[in-house]
Amino acid sequence: MKVAVTFNTFGIVSRVEPYEAAMRAVGMEPVRNPESMDGLAGLLLSGGSDVNPRHYGQQRLRNSDSPDDLRDELEMRLLQEALAAELPVLAICRGLQLFNVFHGGTLIQHLPGTPLHRQKAKGAEAGKHPAAHRVEVSPNTRLAEIVGAGGHEVNSRHHQGVDLVAPGLIVSATSEDGVVEAMELPGRLFAVAVQWHPEDRVGVSEMDRRLFEAFALAAGSGLLKATAGHRAAQQTSS
């Protein structure tokens, strides 16, 4: 089951490997930065550098990263294709921010409480990074169905966050200081975005394992649906 995974276009391959390991552990075969979603069962938008603020009508501030326009354009195109085909989407960290911007939301270019959220786990074992803070998962959301409503410990390494929530999206988790920690697109089998890095805690966090398992299950369902549709089209044309 092949699933797209995006990462930076500057060639730092090591940064995508934790996502790939978490995907393979639940039966998905990652395809790095594909040109399209053709033949793929889902899309994972990974973390990385900041989304170019021109996409949400702002000038870049000095605390924002230099833009990676090629990545922005690729991810927005793949996200458009995935949503149009009703394929599952899991967006992580930068991925959540792009998910919000894609739908018409805006970002805070530098959070006032950055030290709480930008905690790097130096020397931590892969898949076993320590928690940084708690998030509160809202009931009656897709995320709550997967991991359970209420408080959960997560890791954290970001300096930007959601400002204006895009129309049509709902917030499904927040941190203790009010930062948006998860969003989703209602009415979809799986269109979930989280601000933390579940790929780095799958070895110690049941919640994060469940998130990847649910993504894989949704990708499997989407693959079956796509295969059935392809067969029906072939039968119609024959």
C-alpha atoms as a PDB file:
ATOM      1  CA  MET A   1       0.000   0.000   0.000  1.00  0.00           C
ATOM      2  CA  LYS A   2       1.855   3.051  -1.295  1.00  0.00           C
ATOM      3  CA  VAL A   3       1.329   6.381   0.469  1.00  0.00           C
ATOM      4  CA  ALA A   4       2.872   9.746  -0.393  1.00  0.00           C
ATOM      5  CA  VAL A   5       5.107  11.473   2.145  1.00  0.00           C
ATOM      6  CA  THR A   6       6.418  14.977   1.579  1.00  0.00           C
ATOM      7  CA  PHE A   7       9.540  16.576   2.990  1.00  0.00           C
ATOM      8  CA  ASN A   8      11.936  19.431   2.284  1.00  0.00           C
ATOM      9  CA  THR A   9      13.207  19.922  -1.243  1.00  0.00           C
ATOM     10  CA  PHE A  10      16.756  20.704  -0.092  1.00  0.00           C
ATOM     11  CA  GLY A  11      17.687  17.020   0.079  1.00  0.00           C
ATOM     12  CA  ILE A  12      18.017  16.431   3.846  1.00  0.00           C
ATOM     13  CA  VAL A  13      16.819  12.834   3.642  1.00  0.00           C
ATOM     14  CA  SER A  14      17.367  11.981   7.320  1.00  0.00           C
ATOM     15  CA  ARG A  15      14.450  14.207   8.277  1.00  0.00           C
ATOM     16  CA  VAL A  16      11.906  12.062   6.453  1.00  0.00           C
ATOM     17  CA  GLU A  17      13.150   8.725   7.816  1.00  0.00           C
ATOM     18  CA  PRO A  18      11.218   8.795  11.145  1.00  0.00           C
ATOM     19  CA  TYR A  19       7.960   9.318   9.244  1.00  0.00           C
ATOM     20  CA  GLU A  20       8.808   6.462   6.911  1.00  0.00           C
ATOM     21  CA  ALA A  21       9.623   4.129   9.807  1.00  0.00           C
ATOM     22  CA  ALA A  22       6.298   4.903  11.494  1.00  0.00           C
ATOM     23  CA  MET A  23       4.459   4.359   8.214  1.00  0.00           C
ATOM     24  CA  ARG A  24       6.155   1.048   7.470  1.00  0.00           C
ATOM     25  CA  ALA A  25       5.388  -0.191  10.994  1.00  0.00           C
ATOM     26  CA  VAL A  26       1.666  -0.078  10.139  1.00  0.00           C
ATOM     27  CA  GLY A  27       1.911  -1.518   6.629  1.00  0.00           C
ATOM     28  CA  MET A  28       2.347   1.567   4.461  1.00  0.00           C
ATOM     29  CA  GLU A  29       5.081   1.946   1.857  1.00  0.00           C
ATOM     30  CA  PRO A  30       6.157   5.612   1.684  1.00  0.00           C
ATOM     31  CA  VAL A  31       6.685   7.322  -1.655  1.00  0.00           C
ATOM     32  CA  ARG A  32       8.781  10.470  -1.300  1.00  0.00           C
ATOM     33  CA  ASN A  33       7.593  13.712  -2.896  1.00  0.00           C
ATOM     34  CA  PRO A  34       5.639  12.179  -5.794  1.00  0.00           C
ATOM     35  CA  GLU A  35       4.607  14.420  -8.670  1.00  0.00           C
ATOM     36  CA  SER A  36       0.975  13.346  -8.335  1.00  0.00           C
ATOM     37  CA  MET A  37      -1.321  11.178  -6.214  1.00  0.00           C
ATOM     38  CA  ASP A  38      -1.991   8.754  -9.056  1.00  0.00           C
ATOM     39  CA  GLY A  39      -1.880   5.165  -7.776  1.00  0.00           C
ATOM     40  CA  LEU A  40      -1.324   6.226  -4.169  1.00  0.00           C
ATOM     41  CA  ALA A  41      -3.569   5.447  -1.198  1.00  0.00           C
ATOM     42  CA  GLY A  42      -2.995   8.500   0.999  1.00  0.00           C
ATOM     43  CA  LEU A  43      -0.911  11.578   1.750  1.00  0.00           C
ATOM     44  CA  LEU A  44       1.282  12.426   4.731  1.00  0.00           C
ATOM     45  CA  LEU A  45       2.399  16.053   4.958  1.00  0.00           C
ATOM     46  CA  SER A  46       5.463  16.123   7.201  1.00  0.00           C
ATOM     47  CA  GLY A  47       7.111  18.804   9.313  1.00  0.00           C
ATOM     48  CA  GLY A  48       9.820  21.211   8.233  1.00  0.00           C
ATOM     49  CA  SER A  49      10.429  24.842   7.364  1.00  0.00           C
ATOM     50  CA  ASP A  50       7.757  27.532   7.510  1.00  0.00           C
ATOM     51  CA  VAL A  51       5.090  27.972   4.847  1.00  0.00           C
ATOM     52  CA  ASN A  52       5.735  31.102   2.788  1.00  0.00           C
ATOM     53  CA  PRO A  53       3.491  33.754   4.391  1.00  0.00           C
ATOM     54  CA  ARG A  54       2.549  35.130   0.981  1.00  0.00           C
ATOM     55  CA  HIS A  55       0.117  32.205   0.811  1.00  0.00           C
ATOM     56  CA  TYR A  56      -1.876  33.805   3.624  1.00  0.00           C
ATOM     57  CA  GLY A  57      -1.418  37.438   2.639  1.00  0.00           C
ATOM     58  CA  GLN A  58       1.470  38.449   4.920  1.00  0.00           C
ATOM     59  CA  GLN A  59       5.060  39.606   4.586  1.00  0.00           C
ATOM     60  CA  ARG A  60       7.732  37.348   6.060  1.00  0.00           C
ATOM     61  CA  LEU A  61       8.935  38.441   9.497  1.00  0.00           C
ATOM     62  CA  ARG A  62      12.566  38.105  10.598  1.00  0.00           C
ATOM     63  CA  ASN A  63      11.711  35.113  12.822  1.00  0.00           C
ATOM     64  CA  SER A  64      10.284  33.132   9.890  1.00  0.00           C
ATOM     65  CA  ASP A  65      12.316  30.627   7.875  1.00  0.00           C
ATOM     66  CA  SER A  66      13.416  31.295   4.330  1.00  0.00           C
ATOM     67  CA  PRO A  67      10.661  29.984   2.064  1.00  0.00           C
ATOM     68  CA  ASP A  68      10.772  26.665   0.261  1.00  0.00           C
ATOM     69  CA  ASP A  69       8.432  27.610  -2.572  1.00  0.00           C
ATOM     70  CA  LEU A  70       8.918  24.353  -4.465  1.00  0.00           C
ATOM     71  CA  ARG A  71       7.738  22.422  -1.426  1.00  0.00           C
ATOM     72  CA  ASP A  72       4.778  24.725  -0.814  1.00  0.00           C
ATOM     73  CA  GLU A  73       3.628  24.306  -4.408  1.00  0.00           C
ATOM     74  CA  LEU A  74       4.121  20.533  -4.430  1.00  0.00           C
ATOM     75  CA  GLU A  75       2.270  19.973  -1.164  1.00  0.00           C
ATOM     76  CA  MET A  76      -0.648  22.198  -2.099  1.00  0.00           C
ATOM     77  CA  ARG A  77      -1.029  20.384  -5.404  1.00  0.00           C
ATOM     78  CA  LEU A  78      -0.867  16.952  -3.782  1.00  0.00           C
ATOM     79  CA  LEU A  79      -3.278  18.017  -1.053  1.00  0.00           C
ATOM     80  CA  GLN A  80      -5.725  19.276  -3.664  1.00  0.00           C
ATOM     81  CA  GLU A  81      -5.504  15.957  -5.509  1.00  0.00           C
ATOM     82  CA  ALA A  82      -5.846  13.872  -2.343  1.00  0.00           C
ATOM     83  CA  LEU A  83      -8.919  15.738  -1.117  1.00  0.00           C
ATOM     84  CA  ALA A  84     -10.532  15.655  -4.559  1.00  0.00           C
ATOM     85  CA  ALA A  85     -10.041  11.885  -4.675  1.00  0.00           C
ATOM     86  CA  GLU A  86     -11.223  11.508  -1.051  1.00  0.00           C
ATOM     87  CA  LEU A  87      -7.907   9.956  -0.051  1.00  0.00           C
ATOM     88  CA  PRO A  88      -6.873  10.065   3.624  1.00  0.00           C
ATOM     89  CA  VAL A  89      -4.565  12.875   4.703  1.00  0.00           C
ATOM     90  CA  LEU A  90      -2.394  13.058   7.818  1.00  0.00           C
ATOM     91  CA  ALA A  91      -0.718  16.451   8.279  1.00  0.00           C
ATOM     92  CA  ILE A  92       2.036  16.856  10.883  1.00  0.00           C
ATOM     93  CA  CYS A  93       3.498  20.080  12.360  1.00  0.00           C
ATOM     94  CA  ARG A  94       4.281  22.221   9.278  1.00  0.00           C
ATOM     95  CA  GLY A  95       1.747  19.957   7.592  1.00  0.00           C
ATOM     96  CA  LEU A  96      -0.995  21.206   9.924  1.00  0.00           C
ATOM     97  CA  GLN A  97      -0.025  24.786   9.172  1.00  0.00           C
ATOM     98  CA  LEU A  98      -0.113  24.203   5.419  1.00  0.00           C
ATOM     99  CA  PHE A  99      -3.425  22.340   5.804  1.00  0.00           C
ATOM    100  CA  ASN A 100      -4.907  25.440   7.454  1.00  0.00           C
ATOM    101  CA  VAL A 101      -3.407  27.871   4.940  1.00  0.00           C
ATOM    102  CA  PHE A 102      -4.565  25.731   2.006  1.00  0.00           C
ATOM    103  CA  HIS A 103      -8.146  26.042   3.239  1.00  0.00           C
ATOM    104  CA  GLY A 104      -7.918  29.810   3.714  1.00  0.00           C
ATOM    105  CA  GLY A 105      -6.581  30.209   7.258  1.00  0.00           C
ATOM    106  CA  THR A 106      -3.634  32.213   8.561  1.00  0.00           C
ATOM    107  CA  LEU A 107      -0.669  31.609  10.862  1.00  0.00           C
ATOM    108  CA  ILE A 108       1.084  33.287  13.772  1.00  0.00           C
ATOM    109  CA  GLN A 109       4.610  33.653  12.408  1.00  0.00           C
ATOM    110  CA  HIS A 110       6.237  33.434  15.850  1.00  0.00           C
ATOM    111  CA  LEU A 111       4.408  32.254  18.950  1.00  0.00           C
ATOM    112  CA  PRO A 112       4.847  34.349  22.106  1.00  0.00           C
ATOM    113  CA  GLY A 113       5.205  31.120  24.130  1.00  0.00           C
ATOM    114  CA  THR A 114       7.753  29.556  21.798  1.00  0.00           C
ATOM    115  CA  PRO A 115       9.986  27.983  24.532  1.00  0.00           C
ATOM    116  CA  LEU A 116       7.102  25.715  25.600  1.00  0.00           C
ATOM    117  CA  HIS A 117       6.490  24.527  22.064  1.00  0.00           C
ATOM    118  CA  ARG A 118       9.968  24.412  20.559  1.00  0.00           C
ATOM    119  CA  GLN A 119      11.618  21.643  22.551  1.00  0.00           C
ATOM    120  CA  LYS A 120      14.173  19.526  20.751  1.00  0.00           C
ATOM    121  CA  ALA A 121      14.842  16.059  22.135  1.00  0.00           C
ATOM    122  CA  LYS A 122      18.625  15.882  21.805  1.00  0.00           C
ATOM    123  CA  GLY A 123      19.952  12.357  21.939  1.00  0.00           C
ATOM    124  CA  ALA A 124      16.513  10.752  22.242  1.00  0.00           C
ATOM    125  CA  GLU A 125      16.038   7.281  20.788  1.00  0.00           C
ATOM    126  CA  ALA A 126      14.071   7.114  17.551  1.00  0.00           C
ATOM    127  CA  GLY A 127      10.374   6.664  18.228  1.00  0.00           C
ATOM    128  CA  LYS A 128      10.845   7.305  21.946  1.00  0.00           C
ATOM    129  CA  HIS A 129      11.083  11.069  22.275  1.00  0.00           C
ATOM    130  CA  PRO A 130       9.939  12.552  25.594  1.00  0.00           C
ATOM    131  CA  ALA A 131       6.723  14.547  25.986  1.00  0.00           C
ATOM    132  CA  ALA A 132       6.843  18.337  26.157  1.00  0.00           C
ATOM    133  CA  HIS A 133       3.350  19.342  27.275  1.00  0.00           C
ATOM    134  CA  ARG A 134      -0.291  18.253  27.352  1.00  0.00           C
ATOM    135  CA  VAL A 135      -3.034  18.804  24.823  1.00  0.00           C
ATOM    136  CA  GLU A 136      -6.772  18.565  25.329  1.00  0.00           C
ATOM    137  CA  VAL A 137      -8.567  16.580  22.621  1.00  0.00           C
ATOM    138  CA  SER A 138     -12.121  17.754  22.012  1.00  0.00           C
ATOM    139  CA  PRO A 139     -14.957  15.213  22.199  1.00  0.00           C
ATOM    140  CA  ASN A 140     -17.073  14.372  19.153  1.00  0.00           C
ATOM    141  CA  THR A 141     -14.173  14.761  16.746  1.00  0.00           C
ATOM    142  CA  ARG A 142     -12.433  12.303  14.438  1.00  0.00           C
ATOM    143  CA  LEU A 143      -9.289  12.663  16.541  1.00  0.00           C
ATOM    144  CA  ALA A 144     -11.232  11.780  19.698  1.00  0.00           C
ATOM    145  CA  GLU A 145     -12.550   8.657  17.975  1.00  0.00           C
ATOM    146  CA  ILE A 146      -8.981   7.587  17.326  1.00  0.00           C
ATOM    147  CA  VAL A 147      -7.088   8.527  20.489  1.00  0.00           C
ATOM    148  CA  GLY A 148      -9.817   9.404  22.994  1.00  0.00           C
ATOM    149  CA  ALA A 149     -11.040  12.776  24.219  1.00  0.00           C
ATOM    150  CA  GLY A 150      -9.341  14.555  27.114  1.00  0.00           C
ATOM    151  CA  GLY A 151      -5.721  15.184  28.075  1.00  0.00           C
ATOM    152  CA  HIS A 152      -2.753  13.608  26.283  1.00  0.00           C
ATOM    153  CA  GLU A 153       1.001  14.125  26.504  1.00  0.00           C
ATOM    154  CA  VAL A 154       2.733  15.165  23.274  1.00  0.00           C
ATOM    155  CA  ASN A 155       6.151  16.275  22.089  1.00  0.00           C
ATOM    156  CA  SER A 156       6.586  19.682  20.475  1.00  0.00           C
ATOM    157  CA  ARG A 157       9.063  21.520  18.270  1.00  0.00           C
ATOM    158  CA  HIS A 158       7.485  24.399  16.387  1.00  0.00           C
ATOM    159  CA  HIS A 159       7.606  28.178  16.620  1.00  0.00           C
ATOM    160  CA  GLN A 160       4.569  29.009  14.474  1.00  0.00           C
ATOM    161  CA  GLY A 161       0.914  28.197  14.997  1.00  0.00           C
ATOM    162  CA  VAL A 162      -2.607  28.645  13.690  1.00  0.00           C
ATOM    163  CA  ASP A 163      -4.068  32.133  13.933  1.00  0.00           C
ATOM    164  CA  LEU A 164      -7.296  32.330  11.907  1.00  0.00           C
ATOM    165  CA  VAL A 165      -8.865  28.882  11.557  1.00  0.00           C
ATOM    166  CA  ALA A 166      -9.815  28.243   7.937  1.00  0.00           C
ATOM    167  CA  PRO A 167     -13.507  28.060   7.023  1.00  0.00           C
ATOM    168  CA  GLY A 168     -14.737  24.479   7.063  1.00  0.00           C
ATOM    169  CA  LEU A 169     -12.056  23.198   9.430  1.00  0.00           C
ATOM    170  CA  ILE A 170     -12.601  22.452  13.110  1.00  0.00           C
ATOM    171  CA  VAL A 171     -10.097  22.540  15.960  1.00  0.00           C
ATOM    172  CA  SER A 172      -9.886  19.130  17.613  1.00  0.00           C
ATOM    173  CA  ALA A 173      -7.141  19.761  20.198  1.00  0.00           C
ATOM    174  CA  THR A 174      -5.489  22.698  21.956  1.00  0.00           C
ATOM    175  CA  SER A 175      -2.546  23.097  24.323  1.00  0.00           C
ATOM    176  CA  GLU A 176      -2.750  24.447  27.849  1.00  0.00           C
ATOM    177  CA  ASP A 177      -1.766  27.912  26.596  1.00  0.00           C
ATOM    178  CA  GLY A 178      -4.427  27.939  23.884  1.00  0.00           C
ATOM    179  CA  VAL A 179      -2.344  27.017  20.833  1.00  0.00           C
ATOM    180  CA  VAL A 180      -4.192  24.961  18.212  1.00  0.00           C
ATOM    181  CA  GLU A 181      -2.715  21.458  18.365  1.00  0.00           C
ATOM    182  CA  ALA A 182      -5.001  19.549  15.988  1.00  0.00           C
ATOM    183  CA  MET A 183      -7.472  20.296  13.214  1.00  0.00           C
ATOM    184  CA  GLU A 184      -9.621  18.249  10.899  1.00  0.00           C
ATOM    185  CA  LEU A 185     -11.906  18.469   7.912  1.00  0.00           C
ATOM    186  CA  PRO A 186     -15.312  17.100   8.981  1.00  0.00           C
ATOM    187  CA  GLY A 187     -17.198  14.644   6.835  1.00  0.00           C
ATOM    188  CA  ARG A 188     -14.067  12.876   5.587  1.00  0.00           C
ATOM    189  CA  LEU A 189     -12.911   9.354   6.350  1.00  0.00           C
ATOM    190  CA  PHE A 190      -9.552  10.749   7.466  1.00  0.00           C
ATOM    191  CA  ALA A 191      -8.385  14.350   7.074  1.00  0.00           C
ATOM    192  CA  VAL A 192      -6.535  14.996  10.335  1.00  0.00           C
ATOM    193  CA  ALA A 193      -3.750  17.454  11.154  1.00  0.00           C
ATOM    194  CA  VAL A 194      -1.677  17.548  14.350  1.00  0.00           C
ATOM    195  CA  GLN A 195       0.889  20.108  15.508  1.00  0.00           C
ATOM    196  CA  TRP A 196       3.086  17.629  17.399  1.00  0.00           C
ATOM    197  CA  HIS A 197       5.310  14.871  15.963  1.00  0.00           C
ATOM    198  CA  PRO A 198       3.649  11.464  16.494  1.00  0.00           C
ATOM    199  CA  GLU A 199       6.270   9.721  14.349  1.00  0.00           C
ATOM    200  CA  ASP A 200       8.815  10.435  17.104  1.00  0.00           C
ATOM    201  CA  ARG A 201       6.752   8.842  19.894  1.00  0.00           C
ATOM    202  CA  VAL A 202       5.233   5.713  18.344  1.00  0.00           C
ATOM    203  CA  GLY A 203       7.545   3.596  20.501  1.00  0.00           C
ATOM    204  CA  VAL A 204       6.303   5.045  23.803  1.00  0.00           C
ATOM    205  CA  SER A 205       2.881   6.553  23.095  1.00  0.00           C
ATOM    206  CA  GLU A 206      -0.228   4.478  22.446  1.00  0.00           C
ATOM    207  CA  MET A 207      -2.000   7.614  21.266  1.00  0.00           C
ATOM    208  CA  ASP A 208       0.558   8.240  18.536  1.00  0.00           C
ATOM    209  CA  ARG A 209       0.553   4.585  17.465  1.00  0.00           C
ATOM    210  CA  ARG A 210      -3.220   4.724  17.164  1.00  0.00           C
ATOM    211  CA  LEU A 211      -2.972   7.789  14.956  1.00  0.00           C
ATOM    212  CA  PHE A 212      -0.729   6.006  12.457  1.00  0.00           C
ATOM    213  CA  GLU A 213      -2.820   2.837  12.648  1.00  0.00           C
ATOM    214  CA  ALA A 214      -5.993   4.796  11.879  1.00  0.00           C
ATOM    215  CA  PHE A 215      -4.259   6.518   8.964  1.00  0.00           C
ATOM    216  CA  ALA A 216      -3.167   3.148   7.573  1.00  0.00           C
ATOM    217  CA  LEU A 217      -6.664   1.709   8.004  1.00  0.00           C
ATOM    218  CA  ALA A 218      -8.152   4.680   6.144  1.00  0.00           C
ATOM    219  CA  ALA A 219      -5.545   4.347   3.393  1.00  0.00           C
ATOM    220  CA  GLY A 220      -6.440   0.677   3.022  1.00  0.00           C
ATOM    221  CA  SER A 221     -10.118   1.542   2.717  1.00  0.00           C
ATOM    222  CA  GLY A 222      -9.356   4.232   0.161  1.00  0.00           C
ATOM    223  CA  LEU A 223      -7.214   1.825  -1.844  1.00  0.00           C
ATOM    224  CA  LEU A 224     -10.021  -0.731  -1.959  1.00  0.00           C
ATOM    225  CA  LYS A 225     -12.468   1.971  -3.048  1.00  0.00           C
ATOM    226  CA  ALA A 226     -10.134   3.216  -5.767  1.00  0.00           C
ATOM    227  CA  THR A 227      -9.487  -0.341  -7.019  1.00  0.00           C
ATOM    228  CA  ALA A 228     -13.198  -1.090  -7.163  1.00  0.00           C
ATOM    229  CA  GLY A 229     -13.831   2.153  -9.048  1.00  0.00           C
ATOM    230  CA  HIS A 230     -11.062   1.369 -11.537  1.00  0.00           C
ATOM    231  CA  ARG A 231     -12.472  -2.111 -12.173  1.00  0.00           C
ATOM    232  CA  ALA A 232     -15.978  -0.723 -12.652  1.00  0.00           C
ATOM    233  CA  ALA A 233     -14.656   1.816 -15.157  1.00  0.00           C
ATOM    234  CA  GLN A 234     -12.864  -0.915 -17.081  1.00  0.00           C
ATOM    235  CA  GLN A 235     -16.000  -3.050 -17.208  1.00  0.00           C
ATOM    236  CA  THR A 236     -18.045  -0.098 -18.444  1.00  0.00           C
ATOM    237  CA  SER A 237     -15.600   0.684 -21.220  1.00  0.00           C
ATOM    238  CA  SER A 238     -15.247  -2.949 -22.339  1.00  0.00           C
END
